[in-house]
N, C-alpha and C. Protein backbone atom coordinates (compact mmCIF):
# COMPACT_ATOMS: atom_id res chain seq x y z
N PHE A 1 25.93 7.51 -7.93
CA PHE A 1 24.93 7.75 -7.17
C PHE A 1 24.10 6.42 -7.18
N ALA A 2 23.12 6.39 -6.05
CA ALA A 2 22.42 5.27 -5.90
C ALA A 2 21.09 5.74 -5.54
N SER A 3 20.03 4.94 -5.72
CA SER A 3 18.72 5.33 -5.28
C SER A 3 18.21 4.06 -4.36
N ALA A 4 17.13 4.71 -3.79
CA ALA A 4 16.33 3.57 -2.79
C ALA A 4 14.80 3.76 -2.82
N GLN A 5 14.05 2.75 -2.66
CA GLN A 5 12.77 2.90 -2.59
C GLN A 5 12.26 2.99 -4.07
N PHE A 6 11.68 2.04 -4.73
CA PHE A 6 11.58 1.90 -6.08
C PHE A 6 9.86 1.96 -6.54
N CYS A 7 8.91 2.33 -5.71
CA CYS A 7 7.65 2.15 -5.71
C CYS A 7 6.96 3.53 -6.33
N MET A 8 6.13 3.20 -7.30
CA MET A 8 5.34 4.42 -7.80
C MET A 8 4.42 5.16 -6.73
N GLN A 9 4.39 6.46 -6.64
CA GLN A 9 3.78 7.19 -5.81
C GLN A 9 4.25 7.25 -4.39
N SER A 10 5.39 6.94 -4.17
CA SER A 10 6.27 6.82 -2.98
C SER A 10 7.60 7.67 -3.33
N PRO A 11 8.08 8.46 -2.38
CA PRO A 11 9.43 9.04 -2.61
C PRO A 11 10.70 8.09 -2.88
N THR A 12 11.24 8.24 -4.07
CA THR A 12 12.39 7.61 -4.36
C THR A 12 13.58 8.43 -3.87
N LEU A 13 14.55 7.96 -2.95
CA LEU A 13 15.68 8.66 -2.38
C LEU A 13 17.00 8.46 -3.38
N PHE A 14 17.45 9.56 -3.66
CA PHE A 14 18.82 9.34 -4.42
C PHE A 14 19.80 9.99 -3.58
N THR A 15 20.92 9.22 -3.60
CA THR A 15 22.10 9.53 -2.86
C THR A 15 23.38 9.72 -3.96
N ASP A 16 24.10 10.94 -3.74
CA ASP A 16 25.11 11.34 -4.41
C ASP A 16 26.31 10.80 -3.87
N TYR A 17 27.06 10.07 -4.77
CA TYR A 17 28.26 9.38 -4.20
C TYR A 17 29.72 9.96 -4.99
N SER A 18 29.40 11.13 -5.86
CA SER A 18 30.43 11.65 -6.56
C SER A 18 31.66 12.16 -5.83
N GLN A 19 32.75 12.01 -6.43
CA GLN A 19 34.08 12.60 -5.63
C GLN A 19 34.67 13.58 -6.57
N ALA A 20 35.17 14.63 -6.12
CA ALA A 20 35.93 15.79 -7.08
C ALA A 20 37.34 15.16 -7.04
N PRO A 21 37.98 15.54 -8.15
CA PRO A 21 39.41 15.53 -8.38
C PRO A 21 40.19 16.01 -7.17
N GLN A 22 41.31 15.53 -6.67
CA GLN A 22 42.16 16.05 -5.60
C GLN A 22 42.38 17.54 -5.91
N GLY A 23 42.22 18.07 -4.55
CA GLY A 23 42.35 19.57 -4.83
C GLY A 23 41.06 20.42 -5.29
N ASP A 24 40.13 19.57 -5.49
CA ASP A 24 38.68 20.36 -5.89
C ASP A 24 37.74 19.76 -5.06
N THR A 25 36.45 20.75 -5.22
CA THR A 25 35.35 20.49 -4.50
C THR A 25 34.08 20.53 -5.31
N ILE A 26 33.15 19.57 -5.09
CA ILE A 26 31.86 19.63 -5.87
C ILE A 26 30.98 20.65 -5.28
N VAL A 27 30.46 21.78 -6.18
CA VAL A 27 29.73 22.75 -5.56
C VAL A 27 28.51 22.91 -6.06
N ALA A 28 28.05 22.09 -7.16
CA ALA A 28 26.63 22.10 -7.94
C ALA A 28 26.35 20.67 -8.33
N TRP A 29 25.18 20.33 -8.06
CA TRP A 29 24.43 19.14 -8.55
C TRP A 29 23.17 19.52 -9.50
N HIS A 30 23.03 18.68 -10.61
CA HIS A 30 21.91 18.88 -11.37
C HIS A 30 21.46 17.53 -11.59
N TRP A 31 20.29 17.27 -11.11
CA TRP A 31 19.46 15.79 -11.35
C TRP A 31 18.33 16.08 -12.41
N ASP A 32 18.28 14.91 -13.28
CA ASP A 32 17.13 14.89 -14.06
C ASP A 32 16.57 13.59 -13.96
N PHE A 33 15.29 13.36 -13.44
CA PHE A 33 14.70 12.18 -13.07
C PHE A 33 14.11 11.40 -14.23
N GLY A 34 14.35 11.89 -15.28
CA GLY A 34 13.91 11.20 -16.79
C GLY A 34 12.39 11.05 -16.94
N VAL A 35 11.82 11.86 -16.54
CA VAL A 35 10.24 11.92 -16.74
C VAL A 35 10.14 12.66 -18.02
N SER A 36 9.86 12.34 -19.10
CA SER A 36 9.58 13.12 -20.36
C SER A 36 8.62 14.02 -20.29
N GLY A 37 8.86 15.35 -20.90
CA GLY A 37 7.83 16.47 -20.98
C GLY A 37 7.47 17.03 -19.53
N THR A 38 8.34 16.70 -18.61
CA THR A 38 7.84 17.25 -17.30
C THR A 38 9.06 18.19 -16.85
N PRO A 39 8.93 19.37 -16.90
CA PRO A 39 9.93 20.48 -16.52
C PRO A 39 10.20 20.32 -14.93
N ALA A 40 9.31 19.92 -14.09
CA ALA A 40 9.51 19.77 -12.73
C ALA A 40 10.23 18.55 -12.34
N ASP A 41 10.85 17.87 -13.11
CA ASP A 41 11.55 16.42 -12.91
C ASP A 41 12.99 16.66 -12.75
N THR A 42 13.43 17.89 -12.05
CA THR A 42 14.83 18.24 -11.69
C THR A 42 15.13 18.63 -10.50
N SER A 43 16.30 18.58 -9.95
CA SER A 43 16.60 19.21 -8.70
C SER A 43 17.99 19.45 -8.77
N ILE A 44 18.51 20.47 -7.90
CA ILE A 44 19.90 20.87 -7.47
C ILE A 44 20.47 20.45 -6.24
N VAL A 45 19.41 19.77 -5.40
CA VAL A 45 20.05 19.38 -4.15
C VAL A 45 20.84 18.23 -4.34
N GLN A 46 21.84 18.12 -3.35
CA GLN A 46 22.70 16.96 -3.35
C GLN A 46 22.26 15.39 -3.32
N ASN A 47 21.28 15.24 -2.41
CA ASN A 47 20.90 14.25 -2.19
C ASN A 47 19.13 14.33 -2.17
N PRO A 48 18.43 14.55 -3.35
CA PRO A 48 17.26 14.54 -3.33
C PRO A 48 16.30 13.33 -3.25
N GLU A 49 15.05 13.52 -3.39
CA GLU A 49 13.97 12.50 -3.48
C GLU A 49 12.78 12.94 -4.52
N TYR A 50 12.38 11.97 -5.29
CA TYR A 50 11.53 12.43 -6.24
C TYR A 50 10.49 11.26 -6.23
N THR A 51 9.09 11.66 -6.49
CA THR A 51 7.93 10.74 -6.45
C THR A 51 7.47 10.53 -7.93
N TYR A 52 7.77 9.40 -8.38
CA TYR A 52 7.21 8.84 -9.87
C TYR A 52 5.71 8.45 -9.69
N GLU A 53 4.95 9.08 -10.36
CA GLU A 53 3.55 8.77 -10.40
C GLU A 53 3.13 7.48 -11.20
N HIS A 54 4.07 7.13 -12.15
CA HIS A 54 3.71 5.95 -13.06
C HIS A 54 5.00 5.00 -12.77
N SER A 55 4.71 3.55 -13.02
CA SER A 55 5.71 2.67 -13.05
C SER A 55 6.55 2.75 -14.35
N GLY A 56 7.82 2.20 -14.43
CA GLY A 56 8.44 2.20 -15.68
C GLY A 56 10.07 2.33 -15.45
N THR A 57 10.67 2.29 -16.61
CA THR A 57 12.07 2.50 -16.31
C THR A 57 12.53 4.10 -16.73
N TYR A 58 13.25 4.85 -16.11
CA TYR A 58 13.54 6.09 -16.13
C TYR A 58 14.94 6.25 -16.19
N PRO A 59 15.54 7.05 -17.16
CA PRO A 59 16.95 7.25 -17.28
C PRO A 59 17.24 8.50 -16.31
N VAL A 60 17.86 8.40 -15.12
CA VAL A 60 18.18 9.45 -14.27
C VAL A 60 19.51 9.91 -14.48
N THR A 61 19.81 11.20 -14.70
CA THR A 61 21.07 11.76 -14.90
C THR A 61 21.38 12.71 -13.82
N LEU A 62 22.69 12.58 -13.21
CA LEU A 62 23.38 13.31 -12.41
C LEU A 62 24.43 13.96 -13.18
N THR A 63 24.63 15.43 -13.07
CA THR A 63 25.61 16.27 -13.52
C THR A 63 26.23 16.97 -12.10
N THR A 64 27.47 16.77 -11.97
CA THR A 64 27.98 17.59 -10.94
C THR A 64 29.01 18.34 -11.49
N THR A 65 29.38 19.72 -10.82
CA THR A 65 30.25 20.66 -11.32
C THR A 65 31.06 20.92 -10.02
N THR A 66 32.38 21.12 -10.35
CA THR A 66 33.42 21.45 -9.30
C THR A 66 33.49 22.93 -9.04
N GLU A 67 34.15 23.35 -8.17
CA GLU A 67 34.37 25.02 -8.02
C GLU A 67 35.32 25.38 -9.02
N HIS A 68 36.16 24.41 -9.85
CA HIS A 68 37.05 25.06 -10.86
C HIS A 68 36.28 24.86 -12.35
N GLY A 69 35.04 24.54 -12.37
CA GLY A 69 34.23 24.37 -13.51
C GLY A 69 34.32 23.08 -14.13
N CYS A 70 34.86 21.99 -13.48
CA CYS A 70 34.86 20.80 -14.26
C CYS A 70 33.41 20.05 -14.00
N SER A 71 32.83 19.48 -15.00
CA SER A 71 31.62 18.82 -14.83
C SER A 71 31.84 17.32 -15.26
N SER A 72 30.99 16.39 -14.52
CA SER A 72 30.92 15.11 -14.89
C SER A 72 29.49 14.78 -15.05
N THR A 73 28.99 13.76 -15.65
CA THR A 73 27.60 13.28 -16.01
C THR A 73 27.59 11.86 -15.82
N GLN A 74 26.44 11.13 -15.03
CA GLN A 74 26.44 9.92 -15.05
C GLN A 74 24.73 9.56 -15.44
N VAL A 75 24.52 8.65 -16.09
CA VAL A 75 23.12 8.29 -16.60
C VAL A 75 23.04 6.97 -15.90
N LEU A 76 22.13 6.50 -14.99
CA LEU A 76 21.52 5.20 -14.74
C LEU A 76 20.05 4.92 -14.83
N PRO A 77 19.62 3.82 -15.29
CA PRO A 77 18.29 3.50 -15.39
C PRO A 77 17.98 3.23 -14.10
N VAL A 78 16.51 3.72 -13.51
CA VAL A 78 16.04 3.43 -12.32
C VAL A 78 14.70 2.94 -12.67
N GLN A 79 14.32 1.48 -12.15
CA GLN A 79 13.07 0.79 -12.40
C GLN A 79 12.24 1.14 -11.26
N ILE A 80 10.92 1.66 -11.57
CA ILE A 80 9.84 2.20 -10.64
C ILE A 80 8.76 1.05 -10.65
N TRP A 81 8.57 0.49 -9.80
CA TRP A 81 7.63 -0.83 -9.79
C TRP A 81 5.99 -0.24 -9.44
N ASN A 82 4.97 -1.01 -9.99
CA ASN A 82 3.69 -0.68 -9.73
C ASN A 82 3.44 -1.12 -8.20
N LEU A 83 2.29 -0.43 -7.75
CA LEU A 83 1.80 -0.71 -6.50
C LEU A 83 0.99 -2.14 -6.48
N PRO A 84 1.17 -2.78 -5.31
CA PRO A 84 0.09 -3.94 -5.31
C PRO A 84 -1.09 -3.48 -5.28
N THR A 85 -2.10 -4.26 -5.50
CA THR A 85 -3.67 -3.94 -5.43
C THR A 85 -4.16 -4.70 -4.23
N ALA A 86 -4.61 -3.84 -3.29
CA ALA A 86 -5.16 -4.38 -2.06
C ALA A 86 -6.57 -4.78 -2.21
N ALA A 87 -7.16 -5.75 -1.99
CA ALA A 87 -8.65 -6.21 -2.15
C ALA A 87 -8.79 -7.34 -1.19
N PHE A 88 -9.97 -7.31 -0.59
CA PHE A 88 -10.60 -8.46 0.23
C PHE A 88 -11.91 -8.67 0.02
N ALA A 89 -12.43 -9.94 0.37
CA ALA A 89 -13.88 -10.25 0.54
C ALA A 89 -14.16 -10.75 1.89
N TYR A 90 -15.36 -11.09 2.26
CA TYR A 90 -15.65 -11.35 3.58
C TYR A 90 -17.04 -12.31 3.56
N THR A 91 -17.19 -13.28 4.53
CA THR A 91 -18.39 -13.93 4.66
C THR A 91 -18.85 -13.90 6.05
N THR A 92 -20.06 -13.85 6.16
CA THR A 92 -20.71 -13.91 7.38
C THR A 92 -22.04 -14.28 7.40
N SER A 93 -22.78 -14.73 8.35
CA SER A 93 -24.17 -15.02 8.33
C SER A 93 -24.93 -14.73 9.65
N PRO A 94 -26.33 -14.66 9.68
CA PRO A 94 -27.09 -14.46 11.03
C PRO A 94 -26.82 -15.56 11.94
N CYS A 95 -26.21 -16.71 11.41
CA CYS A 95 -25.86 -17.67 12.53
C CYS A 95 -24.45 -17.83 13.08
N SER A 96 -23.86 -16.84 12.53
CA SER A 96 -22.29 -16.82 13.15
C SER A 96 -21.99 -16.01 14.21
N ASN A 97 -23.08 -15.45 14.72
CA ASN A 97 -23.00 -14.62 16.13
C ASN A 97 -21.82 -13.64 15.90
N GLY A 98 -21.90 -12.92 14.90
CA GLY A 98 -20.96 -11.77 14.73
C GLY A 98 -19.51 -12.01 14.33
N GLU A 99 -19.37 -13.49 13.96
CA GLU A 99 -17.83 -13.99 13.49
C GLU A 99 -18.01 -13.65 12.11
N VAL A 100 -16.87 -12.87 11.48
CA VAL A 100 -16.55 -12.67 10.13
C VAL A 100 -15.29 -13.15 9.65
N GLN A 101 -15.36 -13.99 8.49
CA GLN A 101 -14.11 -14.52 7.90
C GLN A 101 -13.58 -13.59 6.74
N PHE A 102 -12.43 -13.27 6.80
CA PHE A 102 -12.12 -12.15 5.90
C PHE A 102 -10.88 -13.02 4.93
N MET A 103 -11.04 -12.80 3.45
CA MET A 103 -10.17 -13.45 2.63
C MET A 103 -9.44 -12.55 1.93
N ASP A 104 -8.22 -12.52 1.88
CA ASP A 104 -7.35 -11.58 1.15
C ASP A 104 -7.20 -11.87 -0.37
N ASN A 105 -7.71 -11.07 -1.27
CA ASN A 105 -7.69 -11.02 -2.78
C ASN A 105 -6.57 -10.09 -3.56
N SER A 106 -5.59 -9.64 -2.74
CA SER A 106 -4.74 -8.82 -3.14
C SER A 106 -3.64 -9.49 -4.27
N THR A 107 -3.32 -8.45 -5.09
CA THR A 107 -2.35 -9.05 -6.17
C THR A 107 -1.24 -8.08 -6.27
N SER A 108 -0.07 -8.51 -6.80
CA SER A 108 0.95 -7.70 -7.06
C SER A 108 1.62 -8.34 -8.60
N TYR A 109 1.93 -7.35 -9.54
CA TYR A 109 2.51 -7.76 -10.80
C TYR A 109 3.92 -7.93 -10.48
N GLN A 110 4.31 -9.02 -10.87
CA GLN A 110 5.66 -9.63 -10.74
C GLN A 110 6.41 -9.69 -9.45
N ALA A 111 5.44 -9.64 -8.32
CA ALA A 111 5.87 -9.79 -6.91
C ALA A 111 4.88 -10.65 -6.19
N ASN A 112 5.30 -10.91 -4.92
CA ASN A 112 4.23 -11.56 -4.00
C ASN A 112 4.04 -10.58 -2.87
N ILE A 113 2.54 -10.99 -2.35
CA ILE A 113 2.14 -10.17 -1.25
C ILE A 113 2.88 -10.83 -0.08
N THR A 114 3.65 -10.15 0.73
CA THR A 114 4.31 -10.52 1.96
C THR A 114 3.95 -10.00 3.36
N GLY A 115 3.05 -9.01 3.15
CA GLY A 115 2.52 -8.45 4.61
C GLY A 115 0.95 -8.08 4.58
N TRP A 116 0.32 -8.04 5.71
CA TRP A 116 -1.10 -7.78 5.55
C TRP A 116 -1.22 -7.00 6.94
N GLN A 117 -1.91 -5.90 6.96
CA GLN A 117 -2.18 -5.02 8.08
C GLN A 117 -3.63 -4.78 8.06
N TRP A 118 -4.64 -5.61 8.87
CA TRP A 118 -6.00 -5.40 8.94
C TRP A 118 -6.27 -4.42 10.21
N GLU A 119 -7.42 -3.61 9.95
CA GLU A 119 -7.88 -2.83 11.03
C GLU A 119 -9.36 -3.21 10.81
N PHE A 120 -9.97 -3.86 11.76
CA PHE A 120 -11.44 -4.25 12.04
C PHE A 120 -12.34 -3.35 12.26
N GLU A 121 -11.87 -2.59 13.46
CA GLU A 121 -12.54 -1.57 14.15
C GLU A 121 -11.42 -0.87 14.94
N PRO A 122 -11.79 0.31 15.42
CA PRO A 122 -10.69 0.85 16.24
C PRO A 122 -9.94 0.15 17.22
N PHE A 123 -8.63 0.02 17.01
CA PHE A 123 -7.86 -0.76 17.96
C PHE A 123 -7.83 -2.26 17.97
N GLN A 124 -8.63 -2.78 16.82
CA GLN A 124 -8.56 -4.22 16.57
C GLN A 124 -7.94 -4.58 15.26
N TYR A 125 -6.81 -5.32 15.28
CA TYR A 125 -5.96 -5.41 14.37
C TYR A 125 -5.61 -7.03 14.15
N SER A 126 -5.19 -7.16 12.72
CA SER A 126 -4.53 -8.61 12.53
C SER A 126 -3.44 -8.37 11.60
N SER A 127 -2.56 -9.35 11.57
CA SER A 127 -1.52 -9.09 10.52
C SER A 127 -1.66 -10.79 9.81
N ASP A 128 -2.63 -11.49 9.94
CA ASP A 128 -2.76 -12.84 9.17
C ASP A 128 -3.32 -12.32 7.91
N LYS A 129 -3.10 -13.41 6.95
CA LYS A 129 -3.46 -13.13 5.58
C LYS A 129 -5.08 -13.31 5.46
N ASN A 130 -5.71 -14.40 6.10
CA ASN A 130 -6.94 -14.50 6.04
C ASN A 130 -7.59 -14.60 7.60
N PRO A 131 -7.91 -13.43 8.10
CA PRO A 131 -8.15 -13.66 9.72
C PRO A 131 -9.67 -13.69 9.78
N LYS A 132 -9.92 -14.20 10.88
CA LYS A 132 -11.35 -14.11 11.47
C LYS A 132 -11.42 -12.93 12.60
N HIS A 133 -12.51 -12.21 12.64
CA HIS A 133 -12.68 -11.32 13.58
C HIS A 133 -14.12 -11.35 14.20
N THR A 134 -14.47 -11.45 15.34
CA THR A 134 -15.70 -11.40 16.04
C THR A 134 -16.31 -10.04 16.38
N TYR A 135 -17.41 -9.49 15.96
CA TYR A 135 -17.94 -8.13 16.13
C TYR A 135 -18.93 -8.48 17.28
N TYR A 136 -19.08 -7.64 18.42
CA TYR A 136 -19.91 -7.80 19.43
C TYR A 136 -21.19 -7.00 19.20
N GLU A 137 -21.31 -6.02 18.43
CA GLU A 137 -22.42 -5.35 17.92
C GLU A 137 -22.86 -5.78 16.60
N LEU A 138 -23.96 -6.36 16.81
CA LEU A 138 -24.46 -6.95 15.49
C LEU A 138 -25.48 -6.07 14.94
N ASP A 139 -25.90 -6.33 13.69
CA ASP A 139 -26.77 -5.60 12.80
C ASP A 139 -26.16 -4.12 12.74
N SER A 140 -24.88 -4.03 12.31
CA SER A 140 -24.04 -2.97 12.24
C SER A 140 -23.05 -3.07 11.05
N CYS A 141 -22.63 -1.99 10.66
CA CYS A 141 -21.68 -1.95 9.71
C CYS A 141 -20.52 -1.27 10.08
N TYR A 142 -19.25 -1.86 9.77
CA TYR A 142 -17.97 -1.22 10.28
C TYR A 142 -17.00 -0.95 9.13
N ASP A 143 -16.27 0.15 8.95
CA ASP A 143 -15.06 0.48 7.98
C ASP A 143 -13.81 -0.56 8.31
N VAL A 144 -13.70 -1.43 7.48
CA VAL A 144 -12.58 -2.32 7.55
C VAL A 144 -11.51 -2.08 6.49
N SER A 145 -10.24 -1.73 7.02
CA SER A 145 -9.05 -1.42 6.15
C SER A 145 -8.19 -2.51 6.14
N LEU A 146 -7.40 -2.78 4.96
CA LEU A 146 -6.38 -3.67 4.81
C LEU A 146 -5.25 -3.04 4.10
N GLN A 147 -3.93 -2.96 4.64
CA GLN A 147 -2.76 -2.47 3.80
C GLN A 147 -2.04 -3.62 3.66
N VAL A 148 -1.61 -3.79 2.40
CA VAL A 148 -0.57 -5.08 1.88
C VAL A 148 0.59 -4.48 1.63
N THR A 149 1.72 -5.21 1.86
CA THR A 149 3.11 -5.06 1.25
C THR A 149 3.57 -6.08 0.32
N ASP A 150 4.26 -5.64 -0.63
CA ASP A 150 4.61 -6.75 -1.61
C ASP A 150 6.24 -6.93 -1.38
N SER A 151 6.76 -8.02 -2.03
CA SER A 151 8.24 -8.28 -1.97
C SER A 151 9.18 -7.38 -2.30
N ARG A 152 8.68 -6.18 -2.92
CA ARG A 152 9.53 -5.05 -3.30
C ARG A 152 9.47 -4.14 -2.02
N GLY A 153 8.55 -4.00 -1.12
CA GLY A 153 8.30 -3.02 -0.16
C GLY A 153 7.34 -2.23 -0.60
N CYS A 154 6.47 -2.31 -1.64
CA CYS A 154 5.47 -1.32 -2.13
C CYS A 154 4.21 -1.64 -1.33
N LEU A 155 3.54 -0.47 -0.97
CA LEU A 155 2.46 -0.59 -0.11
C LEU A 155 1.21 0.04 -0.86
N GLN A 156 -0.03 -0.70 -0.65
CA GLN A 156 -1.26 -0.18 -0.90
C GLN A 156 -2.34 -0.51 -0.12
N ASP A 157 -3.31 0.36 0.14
CA ASP A 157 -4.34 -0.03 0.97
C ASP A 157 -5.94 0.09 0.38
N THR A 158 -6.77 -0.45 1.10
CA THR A 158 -8.02 -0.31 0.61
C THR A 158 -9.11 -0.34 1.97
N MET A 159 -10.20 0.29 1.66
CA MET A 159 -11.05 0.00 2.92
C MET A 159 -12.66 -0.32 2.32
N MET A 160 -13.25 -1.06 3.09
CA MET A 160 -14.51 -1.56 2.55
C MET A 160 -15.48 -1.60 3.81
N GLN A 161 -16.69 -1.23 3.67
CA GLN A 161 -17.76 -1.36 4.70
C GLN A 161 -18.14 -2.82 4.83
N VAL A 162 -18.11 -3.46 6.17
CA VAL A 162 -18.47 -4.81 6.27
C VAL A 162 -19.77 -4.65 7.27
N CYS A 163 -20.90 -5.34 6.70
CA CYS A 163 -22.00 -5.31 7.54
C CYS A 163 -22.33 -6.52 8.00
N VAL A 164 -22.30 -6.60 9.42
CA VAL A 164 -22.44 -7.77 10.11
C VAL A 164 -24.00 -7.83 10.44
N PRO A 165 -24.82 -9.09 10.10
CA PRO A 165 -26.10 -9.14 10.20
C PRO A 165 -26.59 -9.32 11.91
N ALA A 166 -27.92 -9.13 12.08
CA ALA A 166 -28.13 -9.44 13.16
C ALA A 166 -28.34 -10.96 13.61
N ALA A 167 -28.35 -11.26 14.57
CA ALA A 167 -28.38 -12.65 15.01
C ALA A 167 -29.83 -13.47 14.64
N PHE A 168 -29.63 -14.67 14.09
CA PHE A 168 -30.97 -15.47 13.71
C PHE A 168 -31.66 -15.60 14.94
N GLU A 169 -32.91 -15.23 14.68
CA GLU A 169 -33.76 -15.57 15.76
C GLU A 169 -34.96 -16.43 15.50
N VAL A 170 -35.48 -17.36 16.20
CA VAL A 170 -36.62 -18.29 16.08
C VAL A 170 -37.70 -17.88 16.92
N THR A 171 -38.86 -17.72 16.44
CA THR A 171 -39.91 -17.36 17.20
C THR A 171 -41.22 -18.22 16.82
N PHE A 172 -42.13 -18.42 17.70
CA PHE A 172 -43.28 -19.18 17.39
C PHE A 172 -44.43 -18.52 18.12
N SER A 173 -45.53 -18.99 17.84
CA SER A 173 -46.76 -18.69 18.77
C SER A 173 -47.65 -19.87 18.61
N ASN A 174 -48.54 -19.91 19.47
CA ASN A 174 -49.51 -20.97 19.63
C ASN A 174 -50.90 -20.26 20.27
N THR A 175 -51.91 -21.13 20.07
CA THR A 175 -53.23 -20.77 20.45
C THR A 175 -53.65 -21.72 21.37
N VAL A 176 -54.39 -21.38 22.35
CA VAL A 176 -54.80 -22.28 23.35
C VAL A 176 -56.19 -23.00 22.77
N SER A 177 -55.89 -24.36 22.87
CA SER A 177 -57.08 -25.17 22.25
C SER A 177 -57.39 -26.34 23.32
N CYS A 178 -58.39 -27.15 23.07
CA CYS A 178 -58.84 -28.21 23.90
C CYS A 178 -58.08 -29.54 23.49
N PHE A 179 -57.93 -30.45 24.35
CA PHE A 179 -57.29 -31.78 24.10
C PHE A 179 -57.98 -32.27 22.62
N GLY A 180 -57.08 -32.74 21.83
CA GLY A 180 -57.59 -33.31 20.57
C GLY A 180 -58.09 -32.37 19.53
N GLN A 181 -58.01 -31.26 19.77
CA GLN A 181 -58.18 -30.17 18.74
C GLN A 181 -56.93 -29.75 18.28
N PRO A 182 -56.91 -29.27 16.85
CA PRO A 182 -55.60 -28.71 16.21
C PRO A 182 -55.18 -27.43 16.97
N ILE A 183 -53.80 -27.16 17.22
CA ILE A 183 -53.32 -26.06 17.73
C ILE A 183 -52.76 -25.18 16.75
């Protein structure tokens, strides 16, 4: 058998490649996904999927049985990886006229972040690592989301409220006075 997608909290797909002896047919499959103390970590489907809640190495067991009662068992270790940690910061000021600079602070244990998907406001996206976005409605807050992908294909997302300050305004007043008198 083989497996695909090794990220925690995402379905790991298992594919059975077992072959019965000539003249026989496999009629039963029993999978044990190797999670200790969990009775629900089994399946009798030929090509199942299983979602691991935690990272680690799990001993996955497949036992096949033929119509004539012959059984065969194979155990393979399956490594399940941690999800990356999506995080970002931003800077803006009243003098920036709505422009916000975003900085990716995402990390991944023993992997590299290879993809970014930002949503600044509905239908406003970027796939840059550290993008800039200009908001036209100032003195407002927006829910900004970032989804990162690491080099193993594991995904994680985060959302943060980003508040854009009102534009900087300068005002002054004066009083009427006579020539030579303080204003």
